[in-house]
PDB file of all heavy atoms in Angstrom:
ATOM      1  N   MET A   1      -0.150 -11.537 -10.970  1.00  0.00           N
ATOM      2  CA  MET A   1       0.184 -10.320 -10.255  1.00  0.00           C
ATOM      3  C   MET A   1      -0.581  -9.177 -10.894  1.00  0.00           C
ATOM      4  O   MET A   1      -0.550  -9.009 -12.096  1.00  0.00           O
ATOM      5  CB  MET A   1       1.694 -10.095 -10.349  1.00  0.00           C
ATOM      6  CG  MET A   1       2.141  -8.833  -9.696  1.00  0.00           C
ATOM      7  SD  MET A   1       3.914  -8.493  -9.809  1.00  0.00           S
ATOM      8  CE  MET A   1       4.680 -10.036  -9.983  1.00  0.00           C
ATOM      9  N   THR A   2      -1.260  -8.429 -10.071  1.00  0.00           N
ATOM     10  CA  THR A   2      -1.999  -7.303 -10.623  1.00  0.00           C
ATOM     11  C   THR A   2      -1.056  -6.139 -10.863  1.00  0.00           C
ATOM     12  O   THR A   2      -0.004  -6.023 -10.248  1.00  0.00           O
ATOM     13  CB  THR A   2      -3.125  -6.861  -9.667  1.00  0.00           C
ATOM     14  OG1 THR A   2      -2.537  -6.330  -8.487  1.00  0.00           O
ATOM     15  CG2 THR A   2      -4.066  -7.997  -9.339  1.00  0.00           C
ATOM     16  N   CYS A   3      -1.469  -5.270 -11.748  1.00  0.00           N
ATOM     17  CA  CYS A   3      -0.652  -4.104 -12.097  1.00  0.00           C
ATOM     18  C   CYS A   3      -0.410  -3.231 -10.867  1.00  0.00           C
ATOM     19  O   CYS A   3       0.688  -2.725 -10.675  1.00  0.00           O
ATOM     20  CB  CYS A   3      -1.336  -3.322 -13.209  1.00  0.00           C
ATOM     21  SG  CYS A   3      -0.326  -1.997 -13.860  1.00  0.00           S
ATOM     22  N   SER A   4      -1.421  -3.076 -10.022  1.00  0.00           N
ATOM     23  CA  SER A   4      -1.245  -2.222  -8.845  1.00  0.00           C
ATOM     24  C   SER A   4      -0.229  -2.826  -7.872  1.00  0.00           C
ATOM     25  O   SER A   4       0.588  -2.095  -7.309  1.00  0.00           O
ATOM     26  CB  SER A   4      -2.577  -1.976  -8.144  1.00  0.00           C
ATOM     27  OG  SER A   4      -3.112  -3.185  -7.658  1.00  0.00           O
ATOM     28  N   HIS A   5      -0.256  -4.143  -7.675  1.00  0.00           N
ATOM     29  CA  HIS A   5       0.734  -4.784  -6.808  1.00  0.00           C
ATOM     30  C   HIS A   5       2.129  -4.633  -7.398  1.00  0.00           C
ATOM     31  O   HIS A   5       3.091  -4.364  -6.682  1.00  0.00           O
ATOM     32  CB  HIS A   5       0.415  -6.264  -6.603  1.00  0.00           C
ATOM     33  CG  HIS A   5      -0.695  -6.490  -5.645  1.00  0.00           C
ATOM     34  ND1 HIS A   5      -1.558  -7.543  -5.766  1.00  0.00           N
ATOM     35  CD2 HIS A   5      -1.093  -5.813  -4.547  1.00  0.00           C
ATOM     36  CE1 HIS A   5      -2.436  -7.508  -4.778  1.00  0.00           C
ATOM     37  NE2 HIS A   5      -2.169  -6.457  -4.030  1.00  0.00           N
ATOM     38  N   TYR A   6       2.237  -4.800  -8.697  1.00  0.00           N
ATOM     39  CA  TYR A   6       3.510  -4.646  -9.401  1.00  0.00           C
ATOM     40  C   TYR A   6       4.062  -3.251  -9.151  1.00  0.00           C
ATOM     41  O   TYR A   6       5.224  -3.078  -8.794  1.00  0.00           O
ATOM     42  CB  TYR A   6       3.270  -4.896 -10.889  1.00  0.00           C
ATOM     43  CG  TYR A   6       4.490  -4.805 -11.767  1.00  0.00           C
ATOM     44  CD1 TYR A   6       5.308  -5.917 -11.947  1.00  0.00           C
ATOM     45  CD2 TYR A   6       4.814  -3.631 -12.438  1.00  0.00           C
ATOM     46  CE1 TYR A   6       6.417  -5.856 -12.764  1.00  0.00           C
ATOM     47  CE2 TYR A   6       5.929  -3.564 -13.253  1.00  0.00           C
ATOM     48  CZ  TYR A   6       6.719  -4.678 -13.413  1.00  0.00           C
ATOM     49  OH  TYR A   6       7.824  -4.611 -14.217  1.00  0.00           O
ATOM     50  N   ASN A   7       3.209  -2.243  -9.303  1.00  0.00           N
ATOM     51  CA  ASN A   7       3.636  -0.857  -9.110  1.00  0.00           C
ATOM     52  C   ASN A   7       3.994  -0.564  -7.657  1.00  0.00           C
ATOM     53  O   ASN A   7       4.941   0.184  -7.393  1.00  0.00           O
ATOM     54  CB  ASN A   7       2.561   0.107  -9.591  1.00  0.00           C
ATOM     55  CG  ASN A   7       2.425   0.108 -11.092  1.00  0.00           C
ATOM     56  OD1 ASN A   7       3.377  -0.176 -11.806  1.00  0.00           O
ATOM     57  ND2 ASN A   7       1.233   0.393 -11.573  1.00  0.00           N
ATOM     58  N   ILE A   8       3.262  -1.143  -6.706  1.00  0.00           N
ATOM     59  CA  ILE A   8       3.567  -0.946  -5.289  1.00  0.00           C
ATOM     60  C   ILE A   8       4.975  -1.453  -4.989  1.00  0.00           C
ATOM     61  O   ILE A   8       5.775  -0.771  -4.350  1.00  0.00           O
ATOM     62  CB  ILE A   8       2.528  -1.665  -4.395  1.00  0.00           C
ATOM     63  CG1 ILE A   8       1.185  -0.939  -4.455  1.00  0.00           C
ATOM     64  CG2 ILE A   8       3.025  -1.775  -2.960  1.00  0.00           C
ATOM     65  CD1 ILE A   8       0.042  -1.707  -3.827  1.00  0.00           C
ATOM     66  N   VAL A   9       5.291  -2.642  -5.481  1.00  0.00           N
ATOM     67  CA  VAL A   9       6.598  -3.238  -5.209  1.00  0.00           C
ATOM     68  C   VAL A   9       7.706  -2.465  -5.929  1.00  0.00           C
ATOM     69  O   VAL A   9       8.747  -2.167  -5.338  1.00  0.00           O
ATOM     70  CB  VAL A   9       6.621  -4.733  -5.585  1.00  0.00           C
ATOM     71  CG1 VAL A   9       8.010  -5.321  -5.375  1.00  0.00           C
ATOM     72  CG2 VAL A   9       5.600  -5.507  -4.763  1.00  0.00           C
ATOM     73  N   LEU A  10       7.497  -2.104  -7.189  1.00  0.00           N
ATOM     74  CA  LEU A  10       8.518  -1.346  -7.918  1.00  0.00           C
ATOM     75  C   LEU A  10       8.769   0.011  -7.274  1.00  0.00           C
ATOM     76  O   LEU A  10       9.917   0.447  -7.167  1.00  0.00           O
ATOM     77  CB  LEU A  10       8.115  -1.161  -9.379  1.00  0.00           C
ATOM     78  CG  LEU A  10       8.261  -2.382 -10.276  1.00  0.00           C
ATOM     79  CD1 LEU A  10       7.867  -2.033 -11.703  1.00  0.00           C
ATOM     80  CD2 LEU A  10       9.666  -2.941 -10.234  1.00  0.00           C
ATOM     81  N   ASP A  11       7.720   0.680  -6.835  1.00  0.00           N
ATOM     82  CA  ASP A  11       7.885   1.970  -6.152  1.00  0.00           C
ATOM     83  C   ASP A  11       8.691   1.789  -4.856  1.00  0.00           C
ATOM     84  O   ASP A  11       9.550   2.607  -4.539  1.00  0.00           O
ATOM     85  CB  ASP A  11       6.535   2.608  -5.836  1.00  0.00           C
ATOM     86  CG  ASP A  11       5.854   3.187  -7.063  1.00  0.00           C
ATOM     87  OD1 ASP A  11       6.532   3.371  -8.100  1.00  0.00           O
ATOM     88  OD2 ASP A  11       4.646   3.460  -6.978  1.00  0.00           O
ATOM     89  N   ALA A  12       8.388   0.721  -4.126  1.00  0.00           N
ATOM     90  CA  ALA A  12       9.116   0.457  -2.885  1.00  0.00           C
ATOM     91  C   ALA A  12      10.599   0.204  -3.173  1.00  0.00           C
ATOM     92  O   ALA A  12      11.470   0.734  -2.483  1.00  0.00           O
ATOM     93  CB  ALA A  12       8.501  -0.729  -2.150  1.00  0.00           C
ATOM     94  N   ILE A  13      10.882  -0.593  -4.205  1.00  0.00           N
ATOM     95  CA  ILE A  13      12.277  -0.859  -4.579  1.00  0.00           C
ATOM     96  C   ILE A  13      12.982   0.447  -4.935  1.00  0.00           C
ATOM     97  O   ILE A  13      14.110   0.698  -4.497  1.00  0.00           O
ATOM     98  CB  ILE A  13      12.357  -1.863  -5.742  1.00  0.00           C
ATOM     99  CG1 ILE A  13      11.935  -3.260  -5.271  1.00  0.00           C
ATOM    100  CG2 ILE A  13      13.773  -1.903  -6.338  1.00  0.00           C
ATOM    101  CD1 ILE A  13      11.770  -4.277  -6.389  1.00  0.00           C
ATOM    102  N   ASN A  14      12.324   1.283  -5.702  1.00  0.00           N
ATOM    103  CA  ASN A  14      12.931   2.555  -6.112  1.00  0.00           C
ATOM    104  C   ASN A  14      13.217   3.470  -4.925  1.00  0.00           C
ATOM    105  O   ASN A  14      14.132   4.292  -4.988  1.00  0.00           O
ATOM    106  CB  ASN A  14      12.038   3.271  -7.123  1.00  0.00           C
ATOM    107  CG  ASN A  14      12.048   2.597  -8.469  1.00  0.00           C
ATOM    108  OD1 ASN A  14      13.017   1.947  -8.846  1.00  0.00           O
ATOM    109  ND2 ASN A  14      10.962   2.732  -9.197  1.00  0.00           N
ATOM    110  N   ASN A  15      12.437   3.343  -3.841  1.00  0.00           N
ATOM    111  CA  ASN A  15      12.605   4.206  -2.679  1.00  0.00           C
ATOM    112  C   ASN A  15      13.471   3.595  -1.578  1.00  0.00           C
ATOM    113  O   ASN A  15      13.692   4.240  -0.552  1.00  0.00           O
ATOM    114  CB  ASN A  15      11.237   4.604  -2.117  1.00  0.00           C
ATOM    115  CG  ASN A  15      10.521   5.559  -3.045  1.00  0.00           C
ATOM    116  OD1 ASN A  15      11.074   6.577  -3.442  1.00  0.00           O
ATOM    117  ND2 ASN A  15       9.308   5.217  -3.426  1.00  0.00           N
ATOM    118  N   LEU A  16      13.944   2.386  -1.808  1.00  0.00           N
ATOM    119  CA  LEU A  16      14.852   1.753  -0.852  1.00  0.00           C
ATOM    120  C   LEU A  16      16.293   2.116  -1.212  1.00  0.00           C
ATOM    121  O   LEU A  16      16.577   2.527  -2.343  1.00  0.00           O
ATOM    122  CB  LEU A  16      14.675   0.227  -0.892  1.00  0.00           C
ATOM    123  CG  LEU A  16      13.441  -0.307  -0.180  1.00  0.00           C
ATOM    124  CD1 LEU A  16      13.175  -1.751  -0.572  1.00  0.00           C
ATOM    125  CD2 LEU A  16      13.598  -0.198   1.329  1.00  0.00           C
ATOM    126  N   PRO A  17      17.227   1.950  -0.264  1.00  0.00           N
ATOM    127  CA  PRO A  17      18.635   2.221  -0.577  1.00  0.00           C
ATOM    128  C   PRO A  17      19.169   1.269  -1.652  1.00  0.00           C
ATOM    129  O   PRO A  17      18.489   0.305  -2.034  1.00  0.00           O
ATOM    130  CB  PRO A  17      19.356   1.980   0.752  1.00  0.00           C
ATOM    131  CG  PRO A  17      18.346   1.612   1.747  1.00  0.00           C
ATOM    132  CD  PRO A  17      17.010   1.543   1.095  1.00  0.00           C
ATOM    133  N   GLN A  18      20.389   1.503  -2.093  1.00  0.00           N
ATOM    134  CA  GLN A  18      21.013   0.693  -3.148  1.00  0.00           C
ATOM    135  C   GLN A  18      20.983  -0.790  -2.812  1.00  0.00           C
ATOM    136  O   GLN A  18      20.785  -1.629  -3.665  1.00  0.00           O
ATOM    137  CB  GLN A  18      22.459   1.166  -3.370  1.00  0.00           C
ATOM    138  CG  GLN A  18      23.180   0.499  -4.528  1.00  0.00           C
ATOM    139  CD  GLN A  18      22.651   0.921  -5.882  1.00  0.00           C
ATOM    140  OE1 GLN A  18      22.002   1.948  -6.010  1.00  0.00           O
ATOM    141  NE2 GLN A  18      22.924   0.126  -6.887  1.00  0.00           N
ATOM    142  N   GLU A  19      21.197  -1.116  -1.541  1.00  0.00           N
ATOM    143  CA  GLU A  19      21.126  -2.500  -1.088  1.00  0.00           C
ATOM    144  C   GLU A  19      20.045  -2.598  -0.018  1.00  0.00           C
ATOM    145  O   GLU A  19      19.983  -1.769   0.888  1.00  0.00           O
ATOM    146  CB  GLU A  19      22.475  -2.962  -0.536  1.00  0.00           C
ATOM    147  CG  GLU A  19      22.513  -4.446  -0.303  1.00  0.00           C
ATOM    148  CD  GLU A  19      23.923  -4.981  -0.110  1.00  0.00           C
ATOM    149  OE1 GLU A  19      24.822  -4.608  -0.894  1.00  0.00           O
ATOM    150  OE2 GLU A  19      24.112  -5.772   0.823  1.00  0.00           O
ATOM    151  N   PHE A  20      19.193  -3.600  -0.135  1.00  0.00           N
ATOM    152  CA  PHE A  20      18.070  -3.753   0.789  1.00  0.00           C
ATOM    153  C   PHE A  20      17.781  -5.224   1.006  1.00  0.00           C
ATOM    154  O   PHE A  20      18.191  -6.074   0.211  1.00  0.00           O
ATOM    155  CB  PHE A  20      16.818  -3.039   0.241  1.00  0.00           C
ATOM    156  CG  PHE A  20      16.356  -3.557  -1.095  1.00  0.00           C
ATOM    157  CD1 PHE A  20      15.398  -4.562  -1.176  1.00  0.00           C
ATOM    158  CD2 PHE A  20      16.876  -3.041  -2.278  1.00  0.00           C
ATOM    159  CE1 PHE A  20      14.974  -5.046  -2.411  1.00  0.00           C
ATOM    160  CE2 PHE A  20      16.451  -3.509  -3.512  1.00  0.00           C
ATOM    161  CZ  PHE A  20      15.510  -4.515  -3.572  1.00  0.00           C
ATOM    162  N   SER A  21      17.062  -5.531   2.081  1.00  0.00           N
ATOM    163  CA  SER A  21      16.710  -6.922   2.379  1.00  0.00           C
ATOM    164  C   SER A  21      15.289  -7.222   1.913  1.00  0.00           C
ATOM    165  O   SER A  21      14.464  -6.322   1.745  1.00  0.00           O
ATOM    166  CB  SER A  21      16.824  -7.196   3.877  1.00  0.00           C
ATOM    167  OG  SER A  21      15.801  -6.528   4.579  1.00  0.00           O
ATOM    168  N   SER A  22      15.033  -8.498   1.743  1.00  0.00           N
ATOM    169  CA  SER A  22      13.679  -8.937   1.390  1.00  0.00           C
ATOM    170  C   SER A  22      12.693  -8.511   2.474  1.00  0.00           C
ATOM    171  O   SER A  22      11.568  -8.121   2.180  1.00  0.00           O
ATOM    172  CB  SER A  22      13.632 -10.462   1.242  1.00  0.00           C
ATOM    173  OG  SER A  22      14.490 -10.893   0.225  1.00  0.00           O
ATOM    174  N   ARG A  23      13.136  -8.582   3.717  1.00  0.00           N
ATOM    175  CA  ARG A  23      12.276  -8.206   4.844  1.00  0.00           C
ATOM    176  C   ARG A  23      11.892  -6.726   4.762  1.00  0.00           C
ATOM    177  O   ARG A  23      10.742  -6.363   4.982  1.00  0.00           O
ATOM    178  CB  ARG A  23      12.968  -8.491   6.171  1.00  0.00           C
ATOM    179  CG  ARG A  23      12.067  -8.229   7.371  1.00  0.00           C
ATOM    180  CD  ARG A  23      12.725  -8.554   8.683  1.00  0.00           C
ATOM    181  NE  ARG A  23      13.244  -9.893   8.799  1.00  0.00           N
ATOM    182  CZ  ARG A  23      12.526 -10.960   9.158  1.00  0.00           C
ATOM    183  NH1 ARG A  23      11.245 -10.817   9.413  1.00  0.00           N
ATOM    184  NH2 ARG A  23      13.080 -12.144   9.266  1.00  0.00           N
ATOM    185  N   GLU A  24      12.850  -5.857   4.415  1.00  0.00           N
ATOM    186  CA  GLU A  24      12.560  -4.428   4.273  1.00  0.00           C
ATOM    187  C   GLU A  24      11.509  -4.204   3.191  1.00  0.00           C
ATOM    188  O   GLU A  24      10.599  -3.390   3.363  1.00  0.00           O
ATOM    189  CB  GLU A  24      13.824  -3.646   3.906  1.00  0.00           C
ATOM    190  CG  GLU A  24      14.825  -3.504   5.020  1.00  0.00           C
ATOM    191  CD  GLU A  24      16.087  -2.838   4.542  1.00  0.00           C
ATOM    192  OE1 GLU A  24      16.810  -3.427   3.718  1.00  0.00           O
ATOM    193  OE2 GLU A  24      16.337  -1.694   4.997  1.00  0.00           O
ATOM    194  N   LEU A  25      11.639  -4.936   2.102  1.00  0.00           N
ATOM    195  CA  LEU A  25      10.678  -4.794   1.008  1.00  0.00           C
ATOM    196  C   LEU A  25       9.296  -5.266   1.452  1.00  0.00           C
ATOM    197  O   LEU A  25       8.295  -4.606   1.184  1.00  0.00           O
ATOM    198  CB  LEU A  25      11.160  -5.568  -0.220  1.00  0.00           C
ATOM    199  CG  LEU A  25      10.335  -5.409  -1.485  1.00  0.00           C
ATOM    200  CD1 LEU A  25      10.191  -3.945  -1.899  1.00  0.00           C
ATOM    201  CD2 LEU A  25      10.960  -6.215  -2.612  1.00  0.00           C
ATOM    202  N   GLN A  26       9.237  -6.370   2.166  1.00  0.00           N
ATOM    203  CA  GLN A  26       7.961  -6.869   2.693  1.00  0.00           C
ATOM    204  C   GLN A  26       7.308  -5.845   3.611  1.00  0.00           C
ATOM    205  O   GLN A  26       6.094  -5.634   3.550  1.00  0.00           O
ATOM    206  CB  GLN A  26       8.184  -8.156   3.492  1.00  0.00           C
ATOM    207  CG  GLN A  26       8.199  -9.408   2.678  1.00  0.00           C
ATOM    208  CD  GLN A  26       8.316 -10.594   3.608  1.00  0.00           C
ATOM    209  OE1 GLN A  26       9.411 -10.959   4.011  1.00  0.00           O
ATOM    210  NE2 GLN A  26       7.194 -11.175   3.957  1.00  0.00           N
ATOM    211  N   GLU A  27       8.099  -5.216   4.457  1.00  0.00           N
ATOM    212  CA  GLU A  27       7.564  -4.233   5.397  1.00  0.00           C
ATOM    213  C   GLU A  27       6.995  -3.013   4.672  1.00  0.00           C
ATOM    214  O   GLU A  27       6.036  -2.404   5.133  1.00  0.00           O
ATOM    215  CB  GLU A  27       8.650  -3.801   6.379  1.00  0.00           C
ATOM    216  CG  GLU A  27       9.006  -4.884   7.374  1.00  0.00           C
ATOM    217  CD  GLU A  27      10.238  -4.567   8.200  1.00  0.00           C
ATOM    218  OE1 GLU A  27      10.856  -3.499   7.994  1.00  0.00           O
ATOM    219  OE2 GLU A  27      10.580  -5.398   9.057  1.00  0.00           O
ATOM    220  N   ARG A  28       7.561  -2.683   3.531  1.00  0.00           N
ATOM    221  CA  ARG A  28       7.072  -1.531   2.757  1.00  0.00           C
ATOM    222  C   ARG A  28       5.877  -1.878   1.878  1.00  0.00           C
ATOM    223  O   ARG A  28       5.237  -0.978   1.340  1.00  0.00           O
ATOM    224  CB  ARG A  28       8.188  -0.980   1.883  1.00  0.00           C
ATOM    225  CG  ARG A  28       9.315  -0.405   2.725  1.00  0.00           C
ATOM    226  CD  ARG A  28       9.881   0.788   2.108  1.00  0.00           C
ATOM    227  NE  ARG A  28      11.018   1.268   2.879  1.00  0.00           N
ATOM    228  CZ  ARG A  28      11.682   2.339   2.584  1.00  0.00           C
ATOM    229  NH1 ARG A  28      11.348   3.038   1.526  1.00  0.00           N
ATOM    230  NH2 ARG A  28      12.695   2.720   3.318  1.00  0.00           N
ATOM    231  N   CYS A  29       5.603  -3.167   1.726  1.00  0.00           N
ATOM    232  CA  CYS A  29       4.495  -3.614   0.866  1.00  0.00           C
ATOM    233  C   CYS A  29       3.584  -4.577   1.634  1.00  0.00           C
ATOM    234  O   CYS A  29       3.424  -5.739   1.244  1.00  0.00           O
ATOM    235  CB  CYS A  29       5.050  -4.319  -0.372  1.00  0.00           C
ATOM    236  SG  CYS A  29       6.217  -3.379  -1.322  1.00  0.00           S
ATOM    237  N   PRO A  30       2.964  -4.117   2.729  1.00  0.00           N
ATOM    238  CA  PRO A  30       2.181  -5.034   3.566  1.00  0.00           C
ATOM    239  C   PRO A  30       0.951  -5.622   2.876  1.00  0.00           C
ATOM    240  O   PRO A  30       0.464  -6.665   3.293  1.00  0.00           O
ATOM    241  CB  PRO A  30       1.788  -4.167   4.768  1.00  0.00           C
ATOM    242  CG  PRO A  30       1.853  -2.766   4.261  1.00  0.00           C
ATOM    243  CD  PRO A  30       2.937  -2.751   3.230  1.00  0.00           C
ATOM    244  N   THR A  31       0.469  -4.985   1.822  1.00  0.00           N
ATOM    245  CA  THR A  31      -0.730  -5.494   1.138  1.00  0.00           C
ATOM    246  C   THR A  31      -0.391  -6.472   0.017  1.00  0.00           C
ATOM    247  O   THR A  31      -1.294  -7.017  -0.609  1.00  0.00           O
ATOM    248  CB  THR A  31      -1.549  -4.335   0.548  1.00  0.00           C
ATOM    249  OG1 THR A  31      -0.750  -3.652  -0.417  1.00  0.00           O
ATOM    250  CG2 THR A  31      -2.004  -3.376   1.631  1.00  0.00           C
ATOM    251  N   VAL A  32       0.906  -6.706  -0.198  1.00  0.00           N
ATOM    252  CA  VAL A  32       1.339  -7.598  -1.277  1.00  0.00           C
ATOM    253  C   VAL A  32       1.877  -8.881  -0.656  1.00  0.00           C
ATOM    254  O   VAL A  32       2.695  -8.843   0.262  1.00  0.00           O
ATOM    255  CB  VAL A  32       2.437  -6.928  -2.137  1.00  0.00           C
ATOM    256  CG1 VAL A  32       2.878  -7.855  -3.259  1.00  0.00           C
ATOM    257  CG2 VAL A  32       1.947  -5.602  -2.693  1.00  0.00           C
ATOM    258  N   GLY A  33       1.423 -10.025  -1.148  1.00  0.00           N
ATOM    259  CA  GLY A  33       1.874 -11.317  -0.630  1.00  0.00           C
ATOM    260  C   GLY A  33       3.335 -11.582  -0.938  1.00  0.00           C
ATOM    261  O   GLY A  33       3.882 -11.117  -1.933  1.00  0.00           O
ATOM    262  N   ILE A  34       3.971 -12.378  -0.077  1.00  0.00           N
ATOM    263  CA  ILE A  34       5.393 -12.687  -0.231  1.00  0.00           C
ATOM    264  C   ILE A  34       5.676 -13.406  -1.543  1.00  0.00           C
ATOM    265  O   ILE A  34       6.714 -13.183  -2.171  1.00  0.00           O
ATOM    266  CB  ILE A  34       5.935 -13.480   0.983  1.00  0.00           C
ATOM    267  CG1 ILE A  34       7.446 -13.703   0.865  1.00  0.00           C
ATOM    268  CG2 ILE A  34       5.212 -14.810   1.129  1.00  0.00           C
ATOM    269  CD1 ILE A  34       8.270 -12.436   0.806  1.00  0.00           C
ATOM    270  N   ASN A  35       4.767 -14.258  -1.989  1.00  0.00           N
ATOM    271  CA  ASN A  35       5.004 -14.968  -3.247  1.00  0.00           C
ATOM    272  C   ASN A  35       5.046 -14.005  -4.429  1.00  0.00           C
ATOM    273  O   ASN A  35       5.856 -14.182  -5.346  1.00  0.00           O
ATOM    274  CB  ASN A  35       3.947 -16.051  -3.479  1.00  0.00           C
ATOM    275  CG  ASN A  35       4.113 -17.201  -2.516  1.00  0.00           C
ATOM    276  OD1 ASN A  35       5.207 -17.494  -2.053  1.00  0.00           O
ATOM    277  ND2 ASN A  35       3.012 -17.861  -2.198  1.00  0.00           N
TER     278      ASN A  35
END
């Protein structure tokens, strides 16, 4: 995992509500693979 992908996903998690779905996270990180 590259540092930029890591940061993209962490930023998305931080900006999502307290509870979120995997699908919501995927939609916010379209350039990051599901794995």
